[in-house]
Protein backbone atom coordinates (compact mmCIF):
# COMPACT_ATOMS: atom_id res chain seq x y z
CA MET A 1 -12.43 28.16 71.42
CA ILE A 2 -10.13 27.41 68.55
CA PRO A 3 -9.46 23.59 70.00
CA LEU A 4 -13.10 23.21 70.58
CA VAL A 5 -13.87 24.54 66.86
CA GLN A 6 -11.12 21.59 65.31
CA GLN A 7 -12.40 19.10 67.66
CA ARG A 8 -16.23 19.31 66.89
CA LEU A 9 -15.40 19.29 63.05
CA ARG A 10 -12.95 16.25 63.53
CA ARG A 11 -15.94 14.35 65.17
CA THR A 12 -18.19 15.65 62.25
CA LEU A 13 -15.98 14.33 59.65
CA ASP A 14 -14.58 11.04 61.56
CA THR A 15 -18.73 10.42 62.08
CA LEU A 16 -19.40 10.91 58.28
CA GLU A 17 -16.85 8.61 56.99
CA ARG A 18 -17.27 6.08 59.11
CA VAL A 19 -20.94 6.04 58.26
CA ILE A 20 -20.64 7.39 54.37
CA THR A 21 -17.75 4.91 53.30
CA PRO A 22 -19.80 1.72 53.92
CA GLN A 23 -22.42 3.29 50.75
CA ALA A 24 -20.11 3.26 48.34
CA ASP A 25 -21.57 0.82 46.37
CA ALA A 26 -25.05 2.07 46.96
CA ILE A 27 -23.89 5.19 45.90
CA LEU A 28 -22.16 4.24 42.77
CA GLN A 29 -25.55 2.23 41.70
CA ALA A 30 -27.56 4.88 42.63
CA ALA A 31 -25.68 7.49 40.29
CA ASN A 32 -25.31 4.68 37.55
CA THR A 33 -29.27 3.88 37.50
CA MET A 34 -29.72 7.31 37.53
CA LEU A 35 -27.16 8.08 34.76
CA HIS A 36 -28.69 4.89 32.35
CA ALA A 37 -32.12 6.67 32.86
CA ILE A 38 -31.33 9.58 31.96
CA MET A 39 -29.07 8.66 28.72
CA ASN A 40 -32.28 6.42 27.52
CA GLY A 41 -34.60 9.39 27.64
CA GLN A 42 -36.01 9.65 30.88
CA LYS A 43 -36.02 11.87 33.79
CA ILE A 44 -35.93 11.48 37.39
CA LEU A 45 -38.37 12.67 39.63
CA ALA A 46 -37.57 13.77 42.84
CA CYS A 47 -39.24 14.10 46.70
CA GLY A 48 -38.15 14.10 50.15
CA ALA A 49 -39.94 13.88 53.42
CA ARG A 50 -41.06 17.13 55.11
CA GLU A 51 -37.86 18.98 55.51
CA ARG A 52 -35.94 16.45 53.28
CA SER A 53 -37.76 18.13 50.20
CA GLN A 54 -35.51 20.98 50.37
CA LEU A 55 -32.87 17.91 50.03
CA ALA A 56 -34.93 17.31 46.82
CA ALA A 57 -35.51 20.44 45.61
CA HIS A 58 -31.48 21.06 45.29
CA PHE A 59 -30.19 17.83 43.97
CA ALA A 60 -32.95 19.15 40.99
CA ARG A 61 -31.15 22.64 40.74
CA LEU A 62 -27.72 21.19 40.36
CA MET A 63 -29.22 18.55 37.98
CA VAL A 64 -31.16 21.10 35.70
CA GLY A 65 -28.41 23.66 36.32
CA GLN A 66 -25.38 22.57 36.54
CA PHE A 67 -22.73 21.43 39.82
CA GLU A 68 -18.95 21.84 39.37
CA HIS A 69 -19.10 21.17 35.72
CA HIS A 70 -20.46 22.97 32.78
CA ARG A 71 -23.14 20.63 30.83
CA PRO A 72 -26.33 20.87 29.18
CA GLY A 73 -29.29 20.58 31.91
CA LEU A 74 -30.64 16.94 33.22
CA PRO A 75 -34.08 16.25 33.24
CA VAL A 76 -34.79 16.24 37.16
CA ILE A 77 -37.92 17.77 38.44
CA SER A 78 -38.36 18.11 42.03
CA LEU A 79 -41.78 17.49 43.31
CA GLN A 80 -43.58 19.32 45.90
CA GLU A 81 -46.30 18.03 48.12
CA PHE A 82 -50.49 18.75 47.76
CA PRO A 83 -51.74 20.12 50.63
CA GLY A 84 -54.40 17.98 53.00
CA GLY A 85 -53.27 14.63 50.74
CA HIS A 86 -52.84 11.76 52.38
CA GLU A 87 -50.16 10.47 49.75
CA PRO A 88 -47.71 12.84 49.39
CA TYR A 89 -46.55 12.99 45.95
CA ALA A 90 -48.03 10.43 44.27
CA LYS A 91 -50.33 12.51 42.98
CA ALA A 92 -47.59 13.84 41.07
CA ILE A 93 -45.73 11.00 40.25
CA ARG A 94 -48.75 9.11 38.80
CA ALA A 95 -49.39 12.18 36.70
CA LEU A 96 -45.13 12.96 35.64
CA GLY A 97 -43.65 9.49 36.08
CA GLY A 98 -43.04 6.78 33.02
CA ALA A 99 -42.03 3.19 32.86
CA ASP A 100 -38.37 3.15 33.55
CA ASP A 101 -38.28 6.64 35.09
CA ILE A 102 -36.29 7.04 37.98
CA LEU A 103 -38.17 8.25 41.67
CA PHE A 104 -35.46 9.45 43.73
CA VAL A 105 -36.76 9.72 47.84
CA ILE A 106 -34.92 11.45 50.79
CA ALA A 107 -36.01 10.21 53.85
CA ARG A 108 -35.29 11.09 57.36
CA ARG A 109 -35.38 7.63 58.68
CA ASP A 110 -37.00 4.57 57.08
CA ALA A 111 -39.40 5.44 54.09
CA ASP A 112 -41.00 8.37 56.69
CA GLY A 113 -44.08 8.09 55.25
CA MET A 114 -42.79 8.02 51.68
CA GLN A 115 -45.06 4.82 50.92
CA PRO A 116 -47.56 5.95 49.08
CA ALA A 117 -45.13 7.54 46.62
CA ILE A 118 -42.70 4.66 46.65
CA ALA A 119 -46.09 2.68 45.43
CA ALA A 120 -47.61 5.27 42.84
CA ALA A 121 -43.99 4.75 41.63
CA HIS A 122 -43.83 1.24 40.84
CA GLU A 123 -47.52 0.97 39.68
CA ARG A 124 -45.78 3.28 36.90
CA GLY A 125 -42.74 1.12 36.21
CA MET A 126 -40.35 3.41 37.64
CA VAL A 127 -37.28 2.74 39.69
CA VAL A 128 -36.97 4.11 43.10
CA ILE A 129 -33.47 4.98 44.45
CA LEU A 130 -34.15 5.54 48.33
CA LEU A 131 -31.84 7.40 50.85
CA THR A 132 -32.75 7.41 54.02
CA GLY A 133 -30.87 7.90 57.81
CA SER A 134 -32.00 4.38 58.71
CA ASN A 135 -30.45 2.29 59.98
CA HIS A 136 -32.80 -0.71 59.96
CA ALA A 137 -32.59 -1.40 56.14
CA GLU A 138 -34.33 -5.27 56.30
CA GLN A 139 -37.66 -2.96 57.62
CA LEU A 140 -37.62 -1.57 54.35
CA THR A 141 -37.41 -4.31 51.60
CA PRO A 142 -40.84 -4.80 51.43
CA ILE A 143 -41.45 -1.58 50.14
CA ILE A 144 -38.65 -1.19 48.17
CA HIS A 145 -37.83 -4.03 44.40
CA PRO A 146 -34.33 -5.59 44.39
CA GLN A 147 -33.43 -3.59 41.54
CA ASP A 148 -34.15 -0.21 43.50
CA PRO A 149 -31.21 1.00 45.36
CA LEU A 150 -31.45 1.70 49.09
CA ILE A 151 -28.23 3.83 50.88
CA CYS A 152 -29.30 3.51 54.58
CA LEU A 153 -27.44 5.50 56.55
CA ALA A 154 -26.56 4.39 60.16
CA LEU A 155 -26.88 7.27 61.74
CA GLU A 156 -29.00 8.45 65.05
CA ASN A 157 -27.87 12.07 65.48
CA GLU A 158 -30.66 14.29 63.35
CA HIS A 159 -28.03 17.07 62.18
CA TRP A 160 -25.39 14.43 60.91
CA VAL A 161 -27.87 12.11 58.88
CA HIS A 162 -28.61 15.61 57.01
CA GLU A 163 -24.92 16.31 56.85
CA ALA A 164 -24.25 12.68 55.27
CA GLU A 165 -27.19 13.27 52.66
CA LEU A 166 -25.93 16.63 51.66
CA ILE A 167 -22.24 14.99 51.28
CA ILE A 168 -24.30 12.01 48.74
CA ILE A 169 -26.26 14.35 47.13
CA HIS A 170 -23.14 16.20 45.87
CA THR A 171 -21.89 12.81 45.43
CA LEU A 172 -24.21 11.45 43.12
CA CYS A 173 -24.16 14.83 41.27
CA ASP A 174 -20.06 14.38 40.88
CA LEU A 175 -20.61 10.97 39.82
CA ILE A 176 -23.21 11.86 36.73
CA ASP A 177 -21.02 14.67 35.62
CA ARG A 178 -17.75 12.82 35.81
CA GLN A 179 -19.40 10.17 33.83
CA LEU A 180 -21.53 12.05 31.45
CA LEU A 181 -18.22 14.39 30.15
CA GLY A 182 -15.75 11.40 30.71
CA LEU A 183 -13.87 13.35 33.26
CA THR A 184 -11.32 11.34 34.97
CA GLU A 185 -9.91 13.84 37.29
């Protein structure tokens, strides 16, 4: 059984490396965009499509609390869906979002029904960062602006998408912390 476990882990790690590595520039752009907003007194609103709302809440907890290094809490709010609404998160974004704030959207594929949230953010003058398991970035360009960082993961397997999104969230937290704290190691 040990060889089976090792084979499974190796296959997963190889797949994640193959998919995440080409997104390094987009991940760095997203982290820099978030850091710039925080340094200028703005906030980040995080939301996710369906089960991805848990990843958005995890991101907010790490940013308000801490990831690996002690630092003051950062202004990140995890949004919750309003029951019965046809536009998940849009009402909260219109109530809480302001010009130059960030909307961090985590979706399983494409925009995963998050178009109303993205539209509400753009109405408020916010920058949108979209993390998605879609391998069809060209389909997303009509709903995001050129300055909106887009992290697209070319994966079909749902559990690998979820694992990759978690790794990227942790990487974003680490990059922001390192820049805030001046850490080089």
